[in-house]
Amino acid sequence: MKALATIIGTIAPATAFAASTPRVDDSGLFSWIFLGFCALIILAQAMPALLLMFGMAKGMTGVVKDELKAHKA
């Protein structure tokens, strides 16, 4: 148990100095173009999905309204 405490005691201070410099972002222009292209693909697939979901919700509310009118009459 004492050996484990000694190992932890020597490793813990070493990890405190692991990131002494600020983070450097070396992403080039092509990386950002690629990420933008990926975002466009996701948006292009999400738009029809959202339209379909709202269309289904609108259709379901129309069916419910028609059933309520039929029950009231």
Protein backbone atom coordinates (compact mmCIF):
# COMPACT_ATOMS: atom_id res chain seq x y z
CA MET A 1 0.00 0.00 0.00
CA LYS A 2 2.86 2.33 0.75
CA ALA A 3 4.40 1.58 -2.66
CA LEU A 4 1.15 2.54 -4.37
CA ALA A 5 1.04 5.83 -2.49
CA THR A 6 4.65 6.51 -3.50
CA ILE A 7 3.88 5.83 -7.19
CA ILE A 8 0.81 8.06 -7.12
CA GLY A 9 2.78 10.75 -5.30
CA THR A 10 5.45 10.80 -8.01
CA ILE A 11 3.09 10.61 -11.00
CA ALA A 12 0.53 13.23 -9.87
CA PRO A 13 2.91 16.24 -9.97
CA ALA A 14 4.21 15.18 -13.38
CA THR A 15 0.73 15.34 -14.92
CA ALA A 16 0.24 18.90 -13.66
CA PHE A 17 2.86 20.13 -16.15
CA ALA A 18 1.61 18.04 -19.08
CA ALA A 19 -0.16 20.94 -20.83
CA SER A 20 1.97 23.93 -19.97
CA THR A 21 1.55 25.56 -23.42
CA PRO A 22 -1.70 26.86 -24.89
CA ARG A 23 -3.52 24.60 -27.31
CA VAL A 24 -2.30 25.03 -30.87
CA ASP A 25 -4.82 24.60 -33.67
CA ASP A 26 -3.00 23.55 -36.82
CA SER A 27 -6.14 22.89 -38.86
CA GLY A 28 -5.63 24.11 -42.37
CA LEU A 29 -8.06 25.60 -44.83
CA PHE A 30 -8.93 22.21 -46.32
CA SER A 31 -9.90 20.85 -42.90
CA TRP A 32 -12.40 23.66 -42.45
CA ILE A 33 -13.72 23.21 -46.00
CA PHE A 34 -14.21 19.50 -45.32
CA LEU A 35 -16.05 20.18 -42.05
CA GLY A 36 -18.26 22.75 -43.78
CA PHE A 37 -19.08 20.24 -46.51
CA CYS A 38 -20.01 17.67 -43.85
CA ALA A 39 -22.29 20.24 -42.20
CA LEU A 40 -23.98 20.94 -45.54
CA ILE A 41 -24.64 17.23 -46.05
CA ILE A 42 -26.21 16.97 -42.59
CA LEU A 43 -28.40 20.02 -43.21
CA ALA A 44 -29.44 18.71 -46.62
CA GLN A 45 -30.62 15.47 -45.02
CA ALA A 46 -32.25 17.12 -42.01
CA MET A 47 -34.46 19.52 -43.97
CA PRO A 48 -36.61 16.86 -45.72
CA ALA A 49 -36.81 14.88 -42.49
CA LEU A 50 -38.14 17.92 -40.60
CA LEU A 51 -40.62 18.73 -43.36
CA LEU A 52 -41.87 15.14 -43.35
CA MET A 53 -42.22 15.15 -39.56
CA PHE A 54 -44.20 18.41 -39.55
CA GLY A 55 -46.35 17.16 -42.43
CA MET A 56 -47.17 13.98 -40.53
CA ALA A 57 -48.04 15.99 -37.41
CA LYS A 58 -50.28 18.29 -39.45
CA GLY A 59 -51.98 15.30 -41.05
CA MET A 60 -52.58 13.64 -37.70
CA THR A 61 -54.15 16.79 -36.24
CA GLY A 62 -56.45 16.96 -39.27
CA VAL A 63 -57.56 13.37 -38.71
CA VAL A 64 -58.22 14.03 -35.03
CA LYS A 65 -60.23 17.16 -35.84
CA ASP A 66 -62.34 15.23 -38.37
CA GLU A 67 -63.03 12.48 -35.82
CA LEU A 68 -64.06 15.07 -33.21
CA LYS A 69 -66.47 16.66 -35.68
CA ALA A 70 -67.95 13.24 -36.51
CA HIS A 71 -68.48 12.41 -32.83
CA LYS A 72 -70.11 15.79 -32.09
CA ALA A 73 -72.56 15.52 -34.98
